[in-house]
Amino acid sequence: MSLNISEMLEKIATDPDMEDIIYANKSVICKKFSMKLPTLDKWIKEIHNDFPVKHTVINPGGLCLINIKKFEEFLIWKSDKKFRK
């Protein structure tokens, strides 16, 4: 079953059980933040190596789950870091 991002956000907004979603997989993050998978893979490496906030990306049992709020923090951190140079 395919679900586009608008339908998913609508479902989250109307389904109280989905409001508290904390982690998403790579494909959901790519859709939510309008990015390509190779860019996300590169940034996940940067999160592991440089980003000071722990547990932004967790890998239980071979899965890759990304904390949505912490990923937003990473994007802000990355943007701030870019302009400090």
PDB file of N, CA and C in Angstrom:
ATOM      1  N   MET A   1       0.842  -1.178   0.000  1.00  0.00           N
ATOM      2  CA  MET A   1       0.000   0.000   0.000  1.00  0.00           C
ATOM      3  C   MET A   1       0.885   1.238   0.000  1.00  0.00           C
ATOM      4  N   SER A   2       0.732   2.074  -0.973  1.00  0.00           N
ATOM      5  CA  SER A   2       1.511   3.295  -1.090  1.00  0.00           C
ATOM      6  C   SER A   2       0.760   4.440  -0.419  1.00  0.00           C
ATOM      7  N   LEU A   3       1.497   5.263   0.322  1.00  0.00           N
ATOM      8  CA  LEU A   3       0.896   6.386   1.030  1.00  0.00           C
ATOM      9  C   LEU A   3       1.754   7.604   0.796  1.00  0.00           C
ATOM     10  N   ASN A   4       1.207   8.641   0.173  1.00  0.00           N
ATOM     11  CA  ASN A   4       2.039   9.817  -0.057  1.00  0.00           C
ATOM     12  C   ASN A   4       2.131  10.652   1.211  1.00  0.00           C
ATOM     13  N   ILE A   5       3.056  11.589   1.239  1.00  0.00           N
ATOM     14  CA  ILE A   5       3.356  12.344   2.453  1.00  0.00           C
ATOM     15  C   ILE A   5       2.157  13.158   2.929  1.00  0.00           C
ATOM     16  N   SER A   6       1.385  13.725   2.008  1.00  0.00           N
ATOM     17  CA  SER A   6       0.200  14.504   2.405  1.00  0.00           C
ATOM     18  C   SER A   6      -0.822  13.621   3.105  1.00  0.00           C
ATOM     19  N   GLU A   7      -1.045  12.432   2.561  1.00  0.00           N
ATOM     20  CA  GLU A   7      -1.983  11.503   3.187  1.00  0.00           C
ATOM     21  C   GLU A   7      -1.477  11.082   4.564  1.00  0.00           C
ATOM     22  N   MET A   8      -0.171  10.861   4.662  1.00  0.00           N
ATOM     23  CA  MET A   8       0.404  10.443   5.933  1.00  0.00           C
ATOM     24  C   MET A   8       0.255  11.543   6.980  1.00  0.00           C
ATOM     25  N   LEU A   9       0.565  12.801   6.605  1.00  0.00           N
ATOM     26  CA  LEU A   9       0.433  13.904   7.549  1.00  0.00           C
ATOM     27  C   LEU A   9      -1.018  14.101   7.962  1.00  0.00           C
ATOM     28  N   GLU A  10      -1.938  13.922   7.012  1.00  0.00           N
ATOM     29  CA  GLU A  10      -3.362  14.021   7.340  1.00  0.00           C
ATOM     30  C   GLU A  10      -3.752  12.913   8.302  1.00  0.00           C
ATOM     31  N   LYS A  11      -3.260  11.714   8.048  1.00  0.00           N
ATOM     32  CA  LYS A  11      -3.558  10.581   8.924  1.00  0.00           C
ATOM     33  C   LYS A  11      -3.005  10.820  10.315  1.00  0.00           C
ATOM     34  N   ILE A  12      -1.780  11.339  10.404  1.00  0.00           N
ATOM     35  CA  ILE A  12      -1.186  11.635  11.700  1.00  0.00           C
ATOM     36  C   ILE A  12      -2.011  12.695  12.428  1.00  0.00           C
ATOM     37  N   ALA A  13      -2.464  13.696  11.689  1.00  0.00           N
ATOM     38  CA  ALA A  13      -3.238  14.779  12.288  1.00  0.00           C
ATOM     39  C   ALA A  13      -4.600  14.298  12.797  1.00  0.00           C
ATOM     40  N   THR A  14      -5.155  13.263  12.164  1.00  0.00           N
ATOM     41  CA  THR A  14      -6.482  12.800  12.551  1.00  0.00           C
ATOM     42  C   THR A  14      -6.464  11.516  13.370  1.00  0.00           C
ATOM     43  N   ASP A  15      -5.327  10.872  13.492  1.00  0.00           N
ATOM     44  CA  ASP A  15      -5.215   9.625  14.241  1.00  0.00           C
ATOM     45  C   ASP A  15      -4.386   9.870  15.494  1.00  0.00           C
ATOM     46  N   PRO A  16      -5.012   9.920  16.663  1.00  0.00           N
ATOM     47  CA  PRO A  16      -4.279  10.223  17.888  1.00  0.00           C
ATOM     48  C   PRO A  16      -3.154   9.236  18.183  1.00  0.00           C
ATOM     49  N   ASP A  17      -3.276   8.012  17.716  1.00  0.00           N
ATOM     50  CA  ASP A  17      -2.225   7.028  17.952  1.00  0.00           C
ATOM     51  C   ASP A  17      -0.957   7.341  17.173  1.00  0.00           C
ATOM     52  N   MET A  18      -1.061   8.123  16.099  1.00  0.00           N
ATOM     53  CA  MET A  18       0.107   8.415  15.269  1.00  0.00           C
ATOM     54  C   MET A  18       0.738   9.779  15.570  1.00  0.00           C
ATOM     55  N   GLU A  19       0.131  10.563  16.451  1.00  0.00           N
ATOM     56  CA  GLU A  19       0.663  11.889  16.761  1.00  0.00           C
ATOM     57  C   GLU A  19       2.028  11.820  17.424  1.00  0.00           C
ATOM     58  N   ASP A  20       2.269  10.767  18.153  1.00  0.00           N
ATOM     59  CA  ASP A  20       3.503  10.659  18.925  1.00  0.00           C
ATOM     60  C   ASP A  20       4.603   9.893  18.208  1.00  0.00           C
ATOM     61  N   ILE A  21       4.530   9.801  16.888  1.00  0.00           N
ATOM     62  CA  ILE A  21       5.578   9.114  16.145  1.00  0.00           C
ATOM     63  C   ILE A  21       6.887   9.850  16.360  1.00  0.00           C
ATOM     64  N   ILE A  22       7.889   9.116  16.780  1.00  0.00           N
ATOM     65  CA  ILE A  22       9.184   9.717  17.095  1.00  0.00           C
ATOM     66  C   ILE A  22      10.202   9.383  16.017  1.00  0.00           C
ATOM     67  N   TYR A  23      10.212   8.134  15.563  1.00  0.00           N
ATOM     68  CA  TYR A  23      11.211   7.671  14.608  1.00  0.00           C
ATOM     69  C   TYR A  23      10.570   7.358  13.260  1.00  0.00           C
ATOM     70  N   ALA A  24      11.352   7.560  12.197  1.00  0.00           N
ATOM     71  CA  ALA A  24      10.906   7.232  10.838  1.00  0.00           C
ATOM     72  C   ALA A  24      12.046   6.539  10.107  1.00  0.00           C
ATOM     73  N   ASN A  25      11.704   5.780   9.071  1.00  0.00           N
ATOM     74  CA  ASN A  25      12.750   5.141   8.272  1.00  0.00           C
ATOM     75  C   ASN A  25      13.266   6.132   7.222  1.00  0.00           C
ATOM     76  N   LYS A  26      14.244   5.715   6.466  1.00  0.00           N
ATOM     77  CA  LYS A  26      14.889   6.604   5.493  1.00  0.00           C
ATOM     78  C   LYS A  26      13.910   7.130   4.445  1.00  0.00           C
ATOM     79  N   SER A  27      13.038   6.276   3.942  1.00  0.00           N
ATOM     80  CA  SER A  27      12.146   6.728   2.872  1.00  0.00           C
ATOM     81  C   SER A  27      11.179   7.804   3.374  1.00  0.00           C
ATOM     82  N   VAL A  28      10.702   7.675   4.603  1.00  0.00           N
ATOM     83  CA  VAL A  28       9.801   8.693   5.164  1.00  0.00           C
ATOM     84  C   VAL A  28      10.555  10.002   5.372  1.00  0.00           C
ATOM     85  N   ILE A  29      11.784   9.926   5.879  1.00  0.00           N
ATOM     86  CA  ILE A  29      12.595  11.135   6.082  1.00  0.00           C
ATOM     87  C   ILE A  29      12.856  11.821   4.740  1.00  0.00           C
ATOM     88  N   CYS A  30      13.188  11.046   3.718  1.00  0.00           N
ATOM     89  CA  CYS A  30      13.436  11.630   2.390  1.00  0.00           C
ATOM     90  C   CYS A  30      12.201  12.368   1.881  1.00  0.00           C
ATOM     91  N   LYS A  31      11.034  11.787   2.060  1.00  0.00           N
ATOM     92  CA  LYS A  31       9.805  12.439   1.610  1.00  0.00           C
ATOM     93  C   LYS A  31       9.488  13.666   2.454  1.00  0.00           C
ATOM     94  N   LYS A  32       9.612  13.519   3.753  1.00  0.00           N
ATOM     95  CA  LYS A  32       9.256  14.614   4.672  1.00  0.00           C
ATOM     96  C   LYS A  32      10.138  15.836   4.456  1.00  0.00           C
ATOM     97  N   PHE A  33      11.436  15.606   4.190  1.00  0.00           N
ATOM     98  CA  PHE A  33      12.373  16.717   4.053  1.00  0.00           C
ATOM     99  C   PHE A  33      12.794  16.967   2.600  1.00  0.00           C
ATOM    100  N   SER A  34      12.104  16.353   1.654  1.00  0.00           N
ATOM    101  CA  SER A  34      12.343  16.567   0.215  1.00  0.00           C
ATOM    102  C   SER A  34      13.808  16.398  -0.167  1.00  0.00           C
ATOM    103  N   MET A  35      14.340  15.230   0.109  1.00  0.00           N
ATOM    104  CA  MET A  35      15.740  14.971  -0.228  1.00  0.00           C
ATOM    105  C   MET A  35      15.891  13.609  -0.878  1.00  0.00           C
ATOM    106  N   LYS A  36      17.024  13.425  -1.500  1.00  0.00           N
ATOM    107  CA  LYS A  36      17.350  12.158  -2.157  1.00  0.00           C
ATOM    108  C   LYS A  36      18.054  11.243  -1.155  1.00  0.00           C
ATOM    109  N   LEU A  37      17.924   9.939  -1.367  1.00  0.00           N
ATOM    110  CA  LEU A  37      18.515   8.947  -0.477  1.00  0.00           C
ATOM    111  C   LEU A  37      20.037   9.085  -0.354  1.00  0.00           C
ATOM    112  N   PRO A  38      20.791   9.313  -1.443  1.00  0.00           N
ATOM    113  CA  PRO A  38      22.253   9.458  -1.276  1.00  0.00           C
ATOM    114  C   PRO A  38      22.633  10.637  -0.362  1.00  0.00           C
ATOM    115  N   THR A  39      21.867  11.721  -0.420  1.00  0.00           N
ATOM    116  CA  THR A  39      22.118  12.860   0.466  1.00  0.00           C
ATOM    117  C   THR A  39      21.861  12.455   1.908  1.00  0.00           C
ATOM    118  N   LEU A  40      20.754  11.764   2.148  1.00  0.00           N
ATOM    119  CA  LEU A  40      20.443  11.319   3.507  1.00  0.00           C
ATOM    120  C   LEU A  40      21.522  10.378   4.028  1.00  0.00           C
ATOM    121  N   ASP A  41      21.975   9.447   3.195  1.00  0.00           N
ATOM    122  CA  ASP A  41      23.031   8.517   3.620  1.00  0.00           C
ATOM    123  C   ASP A  41      24.297   9.274   4.025  1.00  0.00           C
ATOM    124  N   LYS A  42      24.649  10.287   3.260  1.00  0.00           N
ATOM    125  CA  LYS A  42      25.828  11.111   3.572  1.00  0.00           C
ATOM    126  C   LYS A  42      25.637  11.836   4.908  1.00  0.00           C
ATOM    127  N   TRP A  43      24.445  12.373   5.097  1.00  0.00           N
ATOM    128  CA  TRP A  43      24.174  13.116   6.332  1.00  0.00           C
ATOM    129  C   TRP A  43      24.086  12.198   7.543  1.00  0.00           C
ATOM    130  N   ILE A  44      23.625  10.966   7.355  1.00  0.00           N
ATOM    131  CA  ILE A  44      23.603  10.003   8.463  1.00  0.00           C
ATOM    132  C   ILE A  44      25.028   9.735   8.937  1.00  0.00           C
ATOM    133  N   LYS A  45      25.962   9.619   8.007  1.00  0.00           N
ATOM    134  CA  LYS A  45      27.372   9.454   8.393  1.00  0.00           C
ATOM    135  C   LYS A  45      27.847  10.666   9.183  1.00  0.00           C
ATOM    136  N   GLU A  46      27.456  11.861   8.737  1.00  0.00           N
ATOM    137  CA  GLU A  46      27.835  13.080   9.441  1.00  0.00           C
ATOM    138  C   GLU A  46      27.215  13.118  10.846  1.00  0.00           C
ATOM    139  N   ILE A  47      25.984  12.659  10.964  1.00  0.00           N
ATOM    140  CA  ILE A  47      25.329  12.592  12.279  1.00  0.00           C
ATOM    141  C   ILE A  47      26.129  11.687  13.210  1.00  0.00           C
ATOM    142  N   HIS A  48      26.506  10.512  12.716  1.00  0.00           N
ATOM    143  CA  HIS A  48      27.269   9.567  13.538  1.00  0.00           C
ATOM    144  C   HIS A  48      28.633  10.140  13.941  1.00  0.00           C
ATOM    145  N   ASN A  49      29.286  10.860  13.038  1.00  0.00           N
ATOM    146  CA  ASN A  49      30.653  11.329  13.281  1.00  0.00           C
ATOM    147  C   ASN A  49      30.755  12.677  13.993  1.00  0.00           C
ATOM    148  N   ASP A  50      29.849  13.621  13.705  1.00  0.00           N
ATOM    149  CA  ASP A  50      30.040  15.002  14.157  1.00  0.00           C
ATOM    150  C   ASP A  50      28.916  15.594  15.000  1.00  0.00           C
ATOM    151  N   PHE A  51      27.705  15.137  14.827  1.00  0.00           N
ATOM    152  CA  PHE A  51      26.565  15.780  15.493  1.00  0.00           C
ATOM    153  C   PHE A  51      26.563  15.425  16.978  1.00  0.00           C
ATOM    154  N   PRO A  52      26.533  16.439  17.858  1.00  0.00           N
ATOM    155  CA  PRO A  52      26.673  16.184  19.294  1.00  0.00           C
ATOM    156  C   PRO A  52      25.437  15.597  19.985  1.00  0.00           C
ATOM    157  N   VAL A  53      24.296  15.509  19.316  1.00  0.00           N
ATOM    158  CA  VAL A  53      23.082  14.983  19.943  1.00  0.00           C
ATOM    159  C   VAL A  53      23.013  13.474  19.718  1.00  0.00           C
ATOM    160  N   LYS A  54      22.988  12.735  20.813  1.00  0.00           N
ATOM    161  CA  LYS A  54      22.984  11.274  20.721  1.00  0.00           C
ATOM    162  C   LYS A  54      21.605  10.740  20.342  1.00  0.00           C
ATOM    163  N   HIS A  55      21.609   9.549  19.784  1.00  0.00           N
ATOM    164  CA  HIS A  55      20.404   8.797  19.436  1.00  0.00           C
ATOM    165  C   HIS A  55      19.536   9.500  18.395  1.00  0.00           C
ATOM    166  N   THR A  56      20.174  10.259  17.514  1.00  0.00           N
ATOM    167  CA  THR A  56      19.440  10.844  16.386  1.00  0.00           C
ATOM    168  C   THR A  56      19.100   9.736  15.391  1.00  0.00           C
ATOM    169  N   VAL A  57      20.062   8.855  15.185  1.00  0.00           N
ATOM    170  CA  VAL A  57      19.859   7.682  14.325  1.00  0.00           C
ATOM    171  C   VAL A  57      20.149   6.453  15.174  1.00  0.00           C
ATOM    172  N   ILE A  58      19.210   5.514  15.176  1.00  0.00           N
ATOM    173  CA  ILE A  58      19.440   4.247  15.868  1.00  0.00           C
ATOM    174  C   ILE A  58      19.330   3.121  14.848  1.00  0.00           C
ATOM    175  N   ASN A  59      20.059   2.054  15.115  1.00  0.00           N
ATOM    176  CA  ASN A  59      20.096   0.929  14.175  1.00  0.00           C
ATOM    177  C   ASN A  59      19.807  -0.387  14.900  1.00  0.00           C
ATOM    178  N   PRO A  60      18.563  -0.590  15.331  1.00  0.00           N
ATOM    179  CA  PRO A  60      18.246  -1.854  16.000  1.00  0.00           C
ATOM    180  C   PRO A  60      18.045  -2.980  14.989  1.00  0.00           C
ATOM    181  N   GLY A  61      18.783  -4.035  15.147  1.00  0.00           N
ATOM    182  CA  GLY A  61      18.588  -5.211  14.299  1.00  0.00           C
ATOM    183  C   GLY A  61      18.697  -4.966  12.813  1.00  0.00           C
ATOM    184  N   GLY A  62      19.581  -4.071  12.405  1.00  0.00           N
ATOM    185  CA  GLY A  62      19.778  -3.810  10.989  1.00  0.00           C
ATOM    186  C   GLY A  62      18.855  -2.752  10.405  1.00  0.00           C
ATOM    187  N   LEU A  63      17.908  -2.272  11.172  1.00  0.00           N
ATOM    188  CA  LEU A  63      17.030  -1.192  10.710  1.00  0.00           C
ATOM    189  C   LEU A  63      17.743   0.141  10.893  1.00  0.00           C
ATOM    190  N   CYS A  64      17.322   1.128  10.151  1.00  0.00           N
ATOM    191  CA  CYS A  64      17.817   2.485  10.334  1.00  0.00           C
ATOM    192  C   CYS A  64      16.609   3.352  10.666  1.00  0.00           C
ATOM    193  N   LEU A  65      16.534   3.787  11.911  1.00  0.00           N
ATOM    194  CA  LEU A  65      15.429   4.629  12.357  1.00  0.00           C
ATOM    195  C   LEU A  65      15.980   5.985  12.767  1.00  0.00           C
ATOM    196  N   ILE A  66      15.309   7.037  12.327  1.00  0.00           N
ATOM    197  CA  ILE A  66      15.789   8.404  12.526  1.00  0.00           C
ATOM    198  C   ILE A  66      14.765   9.166  13.355  1.00  0.00           C
ATOM    199  N   ASN A  67      15.232   9.769  14.431  1.00  0.00           N
ATOM    200  CA  ASN A  67      14.377  10.586  15.275  1.00  0.00           C
ATOM    201  C   ASN A  67      14.057  11.864  14.511  1.00  0.00           C
ATOM    202  N   ILE A  68      12.792  12.105  14.257  1.00  0.00           N
ATOM    203  CA  ILE A  68      12.373  13.213  13.396  1.00  0.00           C
ATOM    204  C   ILE A  68      12.766  14.566  13.987  1.00  0.00           C
ATOM    205  N   LYS A  69      12.487  14.793  15.263  1.00  0.00           N
ATOM    206  CA  LYS A  69      12.801  16.087  15.884  1.00  0.00           C
ATOM    207  C   LYS A  69      14.307  16.313  15.956  1.00  0.00           C
ATOM    208  N   LYS A  70      15.053  15.269  16.287  1.00  0.00           N
ATOM    209  CA  LYS A  70      16.513  15.405  16.353  1.00  0.00           C
ATOM    210  C   LYS A  70      17.101  15.614  14.966  1.00  0.00           C
ATOM    211  N   PHE A  71      16.481  15.026  13.940  1.00  0.00           N
ATOM    212  CA  PHE A  71      16.957  15.256  12.575  1.00  0.00           C
ATOM    213  C   PHE A  71      16.740  16.713  12.186  1.00  0.00           C
ATOM    214  N   GLU A  72      15.617  17.291  12.599  1.00  0.00           N
ATOM    215  CA  GLU A  72      15.391  18.718  12.363  1.00  0.00           C
ATOM    216  C   GLU A  72      16.464  19.548  13.069  1.00  0.00           C
ATOM    217  N   GLU A  73      16.813  19.165  14.296  1.00  0.00           N
ATOM    218  CA  GLU A  73      17.892  19.842  15.024  1.00  0.00           C
ATOM    219  C   GLU A  73      19.210  19.733  14.252  1.00  0.00           C
ATOM    220  N   PHE A  74      19.461  18.555  13.683  1.00  0.00           N
ATOM    221  CA  PHE A  74      20.673  18.359  12.882  1.00  0.00           C
ATOM    222  C   PHE A  74      20.699  19.312  11.694  1.00  0.00           C
ATOM    223  N   LEU A  75      19.573  19.456  11.011  1.00  0.00           N
ATOM    224  CA  LEU A  75      19.521  20.353   9.854  1.00  0.00           C
ATOM    225  C   LEU A  75      19.796  21.801  10.261  1.00  0.00           C
ATOM    226  N   ILE A  76      19.262  22.208  11.394  1.00  0.00           N
ATOM    227  CA  ILE A  76      19.519  23.563  11.901  1.00  0.00           C
ATOM    228  C   ILE A  76      20.987  23.703  12.275  1.00  0.00           C
ATOM    229  N   TRP A  77      21.526  22.694  12.969  1.00  0.00           N
ATOM    230  CA  TRP A  77      22.945  22.689  13.355  1.00  0.00           C
ATOM    231  C   TRP A  77      23.836  22.753  12.120  1.00  0.00           C
ATOM    232  N   LYS A  78      23.482  21.972  11.108  1.00  0.00           N
ATOM    233  CA  LYS A  78      24.261  21.938   9.869  1.00  0.00           C
ATOM    234  C   LYS A  78      24.219  23.304   9.180  1.00  0.00           C
ATOM    235  N   SER A  79      23.063  23.921   9.149  1.00  0.00           N
ATOM    236  CA  SER A  79      22.919  25.239   8.538  1.00  0.00           C
ATOM    237  C   SER A  79      23.725  26.285   9.307  1.00  0.00           C
ATOM    238  N   ASP A  80      23.630  26.272  10.625  1.00  0.00           N
ATOM    239  CA  ASP A  80      24.398  27.217  11.448  1.00  0.00           C
ATOM    240  C   ASP A  80      25.896  27.015  11.269  1.00  0.00           C
ATOM    241  N   LYS A  81      26.315  25.762  11.225  1.00  0.00           N
ATOM    242  CA  LYS A  81      27.730  25.435  11.062  1.00  0.00           C
ATOM    243  C   LYS A  81      28.245  25.923   9.701  1.00  0.00           C
ATOM    244  N   LYS A  82      27.412  25.825   8.687  1.00  0.00           N
ATOM    245  CA  LYS A  82      27.795  26.251   7.334  1.00  0.00           C
ATOM    246  C   LYS A  82      28.107  27.741   7.307  1.00  0.00           C
ATOM    247  N   PHE A  83      27.323  28.527   8.012  1.00  0.00           N
ATOM    248  CA  PHE A  83      27.500  29.977   7.971  1.00  0.00           C
ATOM    249  C   PHE A  83      28.544  30.483   8.956  1.00  0.00           C
ATOM    250  N   ARG A  84      29.097  29.611   9.803  1.00  0.00           N
ATOM    251  CA  ARG A  84      30.162  29.997  10.722  1.00  0.00           C
ATOM    252  C   ARG A  84      31.522  30.049  10.050  1.00  0.00           C
ATOM    253  N   LYS A  85      31.641  29.439   8.888  1.00  0.00           N
ATOM    254  CA  LYS A  85      32.948  29.367   8.210  1.00  0.00           C
ATOM    255  C   LYS A  85      33.377  30.693   7.671  1.00  0.00           C
TER     256      LYS A  85
END
